Amino acid sequence: MQSRSPSTNHPHPTSAEDIALGHWIAVSAYENLIRGIKSTIPPSHHTPFTDSIAQFVTQLAHLNVGRQTRLPTGIRTTVDLGNISPGYVPCALFLEATLPLLLHCGTDSELVVRGCTHPVSSRSVTYFAEVILPLVRRLGRRVDFFIHSFSFGDNPSGEVLLAVRKADSPIEPFFERERSPLVELKVLFGTNGFVPQVVDTAIHEVKNRLESAGLFWPEIETSLCHAQTHGGIVFAKAEYGNVAVGFERTVTNPDAFVEAAHQTANDLILYDQGDGCVGPQLSPFLLSLAAVATLCEAASGYSEKGHNTVPPRFRWTTAQLDPSTIYLMEQLTHLNNGVPIHIFGNVGTSALIDVNPPETNHGVDDVKPSDV
């Protein structure tokens, strides 16, 4: 978990356009995202998250109207999620909803986000840094991410910095239908205020559980996460050569840390024994990223630089199709410009998702021979 000391030189809006876009991100998107966060519905089923993504795509389409030769301007601002909505403030979900837009800006962006970095019942910024950002870099984008300070539970005292370099070329296509063999397995244990014996017991629990399923020799990494409140995270990451998946549990009670480690190991084992490629938590982000690319890149002026402006094709299998993915697909396909998306599968089972298939891609089939 990468971190550095808090910076006193926070970026700030530099133009009226930056201020308008930053305000829209901070208020409009997050107000939709925050609804239902405290409910007992699993975070992957939250339609407010998918609502916010669809609104980002719509906003991007509006930004491109009347100026078809350049991308939207990047933003340099600070967003304090604790001031927008009191209580539970998940930085990671906000970053996931924001990133697809920032990846298609014509100038650099630098976004400081303050809020909860490691909530108990939602994805953390560790997942964002360990799974989403490596994928983004693989698709040809340059991003940097730093955790200035941690926070556990519903405490909004955490702070992170996301820096996104301007988009110089179209984003790369994404094809992942079959999972490659396991290359690396590591488990991160980050705590604040937990005694070493609790961490040692949790490590022992994870090793035993993984080895019982034939997953041997995980790399173990422990770290002290300086925060205002006590808490701990167990994050298991598996690298399969072509994809990375991550599973996690965050707790604020040390008595629950060993059980959190056990459940995290179980999640990873269940995925490893399945036949899907992309982890279920990643599909909504991939859908939103593909949709933004579809609406933006064909009208971005990349052709002036000699690039093909046909929207990239995204095609992948997911280990589990959840309702939020179906809902997001429906929202994106009903936009004015429309995003061609095909999903083959049933909720709760593995599925194939295809964005911009050949028949809708202006006759251009950019699928790799090995993907047929």
Protein backbone atom coordinates (compact mmCIF):
# COMPACT_ATOMS: atom_id res chain seq x y z
CA MET A 1 0.00 0.00 0.00
CA GLN A 2 1.78 3.07 -1.27
CA SER A 3 1.69 6.15 0.91
CA ARG A 4 3.49 9.40 1.52
CA SER A 5 3.26 12.32 3.90
CA PRO A 6 0.30 14.67 3.46
CA SER A 7 0.98 17.48 1.03
CA THR A 8 0.32 21.08 1.93
CA ASN A 9 0.21 22.14 -1.72
CA HIS A 10 -3.14 20.78 -2.75
CA PRO A 11 -4.18 21.35 -6.37
CA HIS A 12 -6.94 23.86 -6.95
CA PRO A 13 -9.23 24.75 -9.86
CA THR A 14 -7.45 26.84 -12.46
CA SER A 15 -10.25 27.91 -14.78
CA ALA A 16 -14.00 28.38 -14.92
CA GLU A 17 -14.33 25.13 -16.87
CA ASP A 18 -12.26 23.26 -14.28
CA ILE A 19 -14.38 24.68 -11.47
CA ALA A 20 -17.62 23.73 -13.20
CA LEU A 21 -16.49 20.17 -13.89
CA GLY A 22 -14.98 19.77 -10.43
CA HIS A 23 -18.19 21.02 -8.83
CA TRP A 24 -20.25 18.62 -10.92
CA ILE A 25 -18.05 15.70 -9.89
CA ALA A 26 -18.10 16.65 -6.22
CA VAL A 27 -21.82 17.32 -5.91
CA SER A 28 -23.95 15.78 -8.65
CA ALA A 29 -22.20 12.43 -8.94
CA TYR A 30 -21.57 11.92 -5.27
CA GLU A 31 -25.08 12.84 -4.16
CA ASN A 32 -26.32 10.00 -6.35
CA LEU A 33 -23.60 7.68 -5.13
CA ILE A 34 -24.23 8.27 -1.43
CA ARG A 35 -27.84 7.03 -1.47
CA GLY A 36 -28.20 3.57 -0.05
CA ILE A 37 -24.58 3.29 1.11
CA LYS A 38 -25.67 2.49 4.66
CA SER A 39 -28.18 -0.11 3.54
CA THR A 40 -27.62 -3.81 4.01
CA ILE A 41 -27.51 -4.42 0.25
CA PRO A 42 -24.02 -5.58 -0.82
CA PRO A 43 -22.00 -2.70 -2.32
CA SER A 44 -21.79 -4.47 -5.69
CA HIS A 45 -25.59 -4.15 -5.98
CA HIS A 46 -25.82 -0.43 -5.25
CA THR A 47 -27.64 1.19 -8.13
CA PRO A 48 -26.56 4.69 -6.94
CA PHE A 49 -23.01 3.75 -7.96
CA THR A 50 -24.14 2.70 -11.42
CA ASP A 51 -26.38 5.78 -11.64
CA SER A 52 -23.37 7.99 -11.03
CA ILE A 53 -21.33 6.24 -13.72
CA ALA A 54 -24.12 6.65 -16.27
CA GLN A 55 -24.33 10.34 -15.39
CA PHE A 56 -20.60 10.73 -15.94
CA VAL A 57 -20.97 9.27 -19.42
CA THR A 58 -23.90 11.55 -20.18
CA GLN A 59 -21.93 14.55 -18.93
CA LEU A 60 -19.00 13.61 -21.14
CA ALA A 61 -21.28 13.44 -24.18
CA HIS A 62 -22.56 16.94 -23.35
CA LEU A 63 -19.02 18.28 -22.97
CA ASN A 64 -18.18 17.10 -26.47
CA VAL A 65 -21.18 18.75 -28.13
CA GLY A 66 -20.09 21.63 -30.35
CA ARG A 67 -16.36 20.98 -29.99
CA GLN A 68 -15.67 17.73 -31.70
CA THR A 69 -11.94 18.22 -32.12
CA ARG A 70 -10.72 18.12 -28.55
CA LEU A 71 -11.21 16.25 -25.31
CA PRO A 72 -12.69 17.73 -22.12
CA THR A 73 -10.32 19.74 -19.95
CA GLY A 74 -8.81 17.93 -16.97
CA ILE A 75 -9.43 19.02 -13.39
CA ARG A 76 -7.07 20.03 -10.59
CA THR A 77 -9.06 20.29 -7.41
CA THR A 78 -9.69 18.96 -3.91
CA VAL A 79 -12.92 17.11 -3.09
CA ASP A 80 -13.84 16.74 0.58
CA LEU A 81 -16.44 13.98 0.63
CA GLY A 82 -17.04 14.46 4.34
CA ASN A 83 -18.41 17.94 3.65
CA ILE A 84 -20.65 16.76 0.83
CA SER A 85 -22.44 14.09 2.81
CA PRO A 86 -21.87 13.38 6.51
CA GLY A 87 -21.27 9.86 7.74
CA TYR A 88 -20.14 7.03 5.52
CA VAL A 89 -17.85 8.39 2.79
CA PRO A 90 -16.17 5.80 0.51
CA CYS A 91 -13.25 7.30 -1.43
CA ALA A 92 -12.78 4.21 -3.61
CA LEU A 93 -16.28 4.17 -5.12
CA PHE A 94 -16.02 7.88 -5.85
CA LEU A 95 -12.65 7.37 -7.56
CA GLU A 96 -14.00 4.46 -9.61
CA ALA A 97 -16.86 6.62 -10.85
CA THR A 98 -14.54 9.53 -11.63
CA LEU A 99 -11.59 7.78 -13.26
CA PRO A 100 -13.16 6.83 -16.65
CA LEU A 101 -13.84 10.51 -17.33
CA LEU A 102 -10.40 11.68 -16.20
CA LEU A 103 -8.76 9.09 -18.47
CA HIS A 104 -10.30 10.87 -21.47
CA CYS A 105 -9.31 14.45 -20.69
CA GLY A 106 -7.09 16.47 -22.99
CA THR A 107 -5.01 17.92 -20.15
CA ASP A 108 -3.54 16.48 -16.95
CA SER A 109 -5.76 16.03 -13.91
CA GLU A 110 -4.83 15.98 -10.23
CA LEU A 111 -7.54 15.13 -7.75
CA VAL A 112 -7.17 15.13 -3.96
CA VAL A 113 -10.02 13.23 -2.31
CA ARG A 114 -10.71 13.32 1.42
CA GLY A 115 -12.99 10.80 3.05
CA CYS A 116 -13.05 7.18 4.17
CA THR A 117 -10.26 5.13 2.59
CA HIS A 118 -11.10 1.74 4.14
CA PRO A 119 -14.83 1.31 4.89
CA VAL A 120 -16.14 -1.84 6.52
CA SER A 121 -18.73 -2.86 3.92
CA SER A 122 -17.40 -1.49 0.64
CA ARG A 123 -14.30 -1.50 -1.54
CA SER A 124 -11.22 0.30 -0.26
CA VAL A 125 -8.59 2.43 -1.96
CA THR A 126 -6.29 -0.60 -1.66
CA TYR A 127 -8.49 -2.39 -4.21
CA PHE A 128 -8.43 0.72 -6.39
CA ALA A 129 -4.62 0.86 -6.26
CA GLU A 130 -3.92 -2.87 -6.57
CA VAL A 131 -6.49 -3.95 -9.18
CA ILE A 132 -7.99 -1.03 -11.09
CA LEU A 133 -4.91 1.14 -11.64
CA PRO A 134 -2.68 -1.67 -13.00
CA LEU A 135 -5.44 -2.43 -15.50
CA VAL A 136 -5.63 1.24 -16.52
CA ARG A 137 -1.86 1.35 -17.08
CA ARG A 138 -2.07 -1.80 -19.16
CA LEU A 139 -4.61 -0.04 -21.41
CA GLY A 140 -2.12 2.72 -22.16
CA ARG A 141 -2.89 5.41 -19.59
CA ARG A 142 -0.46 7.03 -17.14
CA VAL A 143 -1.72 7.36 -13.59
CA ASP A 144 -0.16 7.86 -10.16
CA PHE A 145 -1.82 7.29 -6.81
CA PHE A 146 -0.77 8.05 -3.25
CA ILE A 147 -2.41 7.46 0.12
CA HIS A 148 -1.64 10.48 2.27
CA SER A 149 -3.54 9.20 5.32
CA PHE A 150 -5.69 6.17 6.15
CA SER A 151 -9.11 5.97 7.78
CA PHE A 152 -11.14 2.95 8.87
CA GLY A 153 -14.89 2.46 9.17
CA ASP A 154 -17.01 5.55 8.58
CA ASN A 155 -14.31 8.02 9.67
CA PRO A 156 -13.80 10.58 6.83
CA SER A 157 -10.28 11.64 7.85
CA GLY A 158 -8.43 9.80 5.07
CA GLU A 159 -6.84 11.51 2.09
CA VAL A 160 -5.60 10.27 -1.28
CA LEU A 161 -4.11 11.84 -4.40
CA LEU A 162 -4.91 10.67 -7.93
CA ALA A 163 -2.86 12.11 -10.81
CA VAL A 164 -3.93 11.28 -14.37
CA ARG A 165 -1.86 12.27 -17.39
CA LYS A 166 -3.62 13.65 -20.45
CA ALA A 167 -4.94 11.27 -23.09
CA ASP A 168 -2.56 11.34 -26.05
CA SER A 169 -4.03 8.35 -27.90
CA PRO A 170 -7.11 6.10 -27.87
CA ILE A 171 -7.36 3.63 -25.05
CA GLU A 172 -6.33 0.06 -25.88
CA PRO A 173 -8.95 -2.67 -26.50
CA PHE A 174 -9.51 -5.23 -23.76
CA PHE A 175 -9.93 -8.96 -24.49
CA GLU A 176 -9.93 -11.46 -21.65
CA ARG A 177 -12.06 -14.56 -22.01
CA GLU A 178 -9.90 -17.20 -20.35
CA ARG A 179 -7.83 -16.94 -17.22
CA SER A 180 -4.10 -17.65 -17.50
CA PRO A 181 -2.30 -19.80 -14.89
CA LEU A 182 -1.66 -18.26 -11.48
CA VAL A 183 1.60 -16.31 -11.43
CA GLU A 184 1.68 -14.58 -8.05
CA LEU A 185 -0.36 -14.62 -4.87
CA LYS A 186 0.02 -12.08 -2.08
CA VAL A 187 -1.93 -11.09 1.00
CA LEU A 188 -1.67 -7.63 2.58
CA PHE A 189 -2.37 -7.05 6.27
CA GLY A 190 -2.66 -3.35 7.13
CA THR A 191 -3.57 -2.36 10.68
CA ASN A 192 -3.68 0.51 13.13
CA GLY A 193 -3.98 -0.17 16.86
CA PHE A 194 -4.09 -3.99 16.64
CA VAL A 195 -1.65 -6.00 18.77
CA PRO A 196 0.90 -8.11 16.83
CA GLN A 197 -0.58 -11.38 18.11
CA VAL A 198 -3.86 -10.66 16.32
CA VAL A 199 -2.06 -10.04 13.04
CA ASP A 200 0.06 -13.18 13.43
CA THR A 201 -3.04 -15.30 14.05
CA ALA A 202 -4.75 -13.82 10.98
CA ILE A 203 -1.69 -14.58 8.83
CA HIS A 204 -1.66 -18.17 10.08
CA GLU A 205 -5.39 -18.50 9.30
CA VAL A 206 -4.97 -17.25 5.72
CA LYS A 207 -2.00 -19.51 5.01
CA ASN A 208 -3.79 -22.59 6.32
CA ARG A 209 -6.99 -21.84 4.42
CA LEU A 210 -5.23 -21.18 1.11
CA GLU A 211 -2.98 -24.22 1.42
CA SER A 212 -6.01 -26.43 2.11
CA ALA A 213 -7.27 -25.40 -1.35
CA GLY A 214 -3.95 -25.98 -3.09
CA LEU A 215 -2.82 -22.34 -3.13
CA PHE A 216 0.68 -22.45 -1.65
CA TRP A 217 3.36 -19.94 -0.72
CA PRO A 218 1.47 -16.65 -0.71
CA GLU A 219 3.63 -13.57 -0.30
CA ILE A 220 2.73 -11.93 3.01
CA GLU A 221 3.03 -8.16 3.47
CA THR A 222 2.25 -6.33 6.71
CA SER A 223 2.11 -2.59 7.26
CA LEU A 224 1.13 -0.04 9.88
CA CYS A 225 -1.57 2.29 8.56
CA HIS A 226 -1.44 5.55 10.48
CA ALA A 227 -5.02 6.67 11.06
CA GLN A 228 -7.16 8.50 13.60
CA THR A 229 -9.12 5.33 14.39
CA HIS A 230 -8.24 1.70 14.99
CA GLY A 231 -8.84 -0.76 12.18
CA GLY A 232 -7.39 -3.38 9.91
CA ILE A 233 -7.65 -4.64 6.34
CA VAL A 234 -6.93 -8.05 4.84
CA PHE A 235 -6.43 -7.84 1.08
CA ALA A 236 -5.72 -10.92 -1.04
CA LYS A 237 -4.49 -10.36 -4.59
CA ALA A 238 -3.96 -13.02 -7.25
CA GLU A 239 -2.06 -12.33 -10.49
CA TYR A 240 -3.00 -14.71 -13.29
CA GLY A 241 -0.71 -13.33 -15.98
CA ASN A 242 -3.49 -11.68 -17.95
CA VAL A 243 -5.72 -10.43 -15.10
CA ALA A 244 -5.47 -9.51 -11.44
CA VAL A 245 -8.22 -10.01 -8.88
CA GLY A 246 -8.52 -8.75 -5.33
CA PHE A 247 -10.69 -9.63 -2.35
CA GLU A 248 -10.76 -7.81 0.96
CA ARG A 249 -12.29 -7.36 4.38
CA THR A 250 -11.96 -4.32 6.65
CA VAL A 251 -12.82 -4.34 10.35
CA THR A 252 -12.59 -1.86 13.20
CA ASN A 253 -12.71 -4.49 15.96
CA PRO A 254 -9.54 -6.57 16.43
CA ASP A 255 -11.65 -9.52 17.61
CA ALA A 256 -13.09 -9.76 14.08
CA PHE A 257 -9.75 -9.63 12.26
CA VAL A 258 -9.07 -13.38 12.15
CA GLU A 259 -12.56 -14.10 10.81
CA ALA A 260 -12.05 -11.36 8.21
CA ALA A 261 -8.86 -13.10 7.11
CA HIS A 262 -10.70 -16.42 6.84
CA GLN A 263 -13.52 -14.93 4.73
CA THR A 264 -11.07 -13.12 2.44
CA ALA A 265 -9.25 -16.39 1.77
CA ASN A 266 -12.59 -18.09 1.06
CA ASP A 267 -13.50 -15.43 -1.51
CA LEU A 268 -10.23 -15.95 -3.35
CA ILE A 269 -10.59 -19.73 -3.30
CA LEU A 270 -14.14 -19.52 -4.68
CA TYR A 271 -12.92 -17.35 -7.55
CA ASP A 272 -9.92 -19.57 -8.27
CA GLN A 273 -12.14 -22.64 -8.50
CA GLY A 274 -14.58 -20.92 -10.87
CA ASP A 275 -14.34 -20.45 -14.62
CA GLY A 276 -14.69 -16.68 -14.99
CA CYS A 277 -11.78 -14.41 -15.90
CA VAL A 278 -12.45 -10.92 -14.53
CA GLY A 279 -13.45 -10.59 -10.88
CA PRO A 280 -17.10 -9.60 -10.30
CA GLN A 281 -16.19 -6.25 -8.69
CA LEU A 282 -14.39 -5.08 -11.84
CA SER A 283 -17.16 -5.43 -14.44
CA PRO A 284 -19.02 -2.16 -13.63
CA PHE A 285 -15.77 -0.21 -13.96
CA LEU A 286 -14.91 -1.90 -17.27
CA LEU A 287 -18.39 -1.13 -18.59
CA SER A 288 -18.15 2.53 -17.68
CA LEU A 289 -14.62 2.81 -19.09
CA ALA A 290 -15.67 1.21 -22.38
CA ALA A 291 -18.73 3.45 -22.57
CA VAL A 292 -16.74 6.64 -22.03
CA ALA A 293 -14.26 5.54 -24.70
CA THR A 294 -17.13 4.81 -27.10
CA LEU A 295 -18.72 8.24 -26.67
CA CYS A 296 -15.49 10.17 -26.56
CA GLU A 297 -12.79 8.72 -28.76
CA ALA A 298 -14.56 8.72 -32.12
CA ALA A 299 -15.10 12.48 -31.77
CA SER A 300 -11.88 13.39 -30.01
CA GLY A 301 -9.60 14.55 -32.79
CA TYR A 302 -7.26 11.57 -32.41
CA SER A 303 -7.52 11.11 -36.19
CA GLU A 304 -5.54 14.33 -36.60
CA LYS A 305 -2.63 12.52 -34.93
CA GLY A 306 -2.91 9.50 -37.20
CA HIS A 307 -4.84 7.29 -34.76
CA ASN A 308 -7.78 5.07 -35.61
CA THR A 309 -10.92 6.66 -34.13
CA VAL A 310 -13.07 3.51 -34.14
CA PRO A 311 -14.31 2.92 -30.56
CA PRO A 312 -12.27 0.16 -28.90
CA ARG A 313 -13.81 -3.22 -28.33
CA PHE A 314 -13.98 -4.55 -24.76
CA ARG A 315 -14.77 -8.24 -24.35
CA TRP A 316 -14.39 -10.27 -21.18
CA THR A 317 -15.84 -13.05 -19.06
CA THR A 318 -16.75 -12.27 -15.49
CA ALA A 319 -16.69 -14.75 -12.64
CA GLN A 320 -20.13 -13.63 -11.48
CA LEU A 321 -22.75 -11.41 -13.11
CA ASP A 322 -24.39 -9.16 -10.53
CA PRO A 323 -27.51 -6.96 -10.82
CA SER A 324 -25.50 -3.72 -10.82
CA THR A 325 -23.78 -4.75 -14.06
CA ILE A 326 -27.13 -5.47 -15.73
CA TYR A 327 -28.54 -2.16 -14.50
CA LEU A 328 -25.54 -0.19 -15.74
CA MET A 329 -25.75 -1.87 -19.14
CA GLU A 330 -29.38 -0.80 -19.45
CA GLN A 331 -28.51 2.79 -18.54
CA LEU A 332 -25.66 3.01 -21.03
CA THR A 333 -27.56 1.49 -23.94
CA HIS A 334 -30.37 4.02 -23.49
CA LEU A 335 -28.14 7.10 -23.73
CA ASN A 336 -28.78 9.40 -26.69
CA ASN A 337 -25.64 8.27 -28.49
CA GLY A 338 -26.09 4.68 -27.38
CA VAL A 339 -23.41 2.22 -26.34
CA PRO A 340 -23.65 -1.22 -28.00
CA ILE A 341 -23.31 -3.82 -25.23
CA HIS A 342 -24.09 -7.54 -25.32
CA ILE A 343 -24.20 -9.70 -22.18
CA PHE A 344 -24.45 -13.48 -22.38
CA GLY A 345 -25.19 -15.09 -19.03
CA ASN A 346 -27.44 -15.05 -15.99
CA VAL A 347 -27.22 -13.14 -12.72
CA GLY A 348 -25.15 -15.11 -10.23
CA THR A 349 -23.26 -17.11 -12.86
CA SER A 350 -20.25 -16.46 -15.06
CA ALA A 351 -21.01 -14.38 -18.16
CA LEU A 352 -19.50 -12.97 -21.35
CA ILE A 353 -19.72 -9.18 -21.82
CA ASP A 354 -19.04 -7.62 -25.22
CA VAL A 355 -18.88 -3.84 -25.78
CA ASN A 356 -18.68 -2.57 -29.38
CA PRO A 357 -18.95 -5.97 -31.10
CA PRO A 358 -17.85 -6.04 -34.78
CA GLU A 359 -21.32 -5.58 -36.30
CA THR A 360 -21.71 -2.25 -34.45
CA ASN A 361 -18.11 -1.12 -34.84
CA HIS A 362 -18.36 0.39 -38.33
CA GLY A 363 -17.43 -2.93 -39.89
CA VAL A 364 -14.09 -3.06 -38.13
CA ASP A 365 -13.41 -6.24 -36.17
CA ASP A 366 -10.47 -5.56 -33.88
CA VAL A 367 -10.75 -8.89 -32.11
CA LYS A 368 -7.54 -10.83 -31.81
CA PRO A 369 -7.32 -14.19 -33.65
CA SER A 370 -6.88 -15.98 -30.33
CA ASP A 371 -10.10 -14.42 -29.05
CA VAL A 372 -12.40 -15.87 -31.71
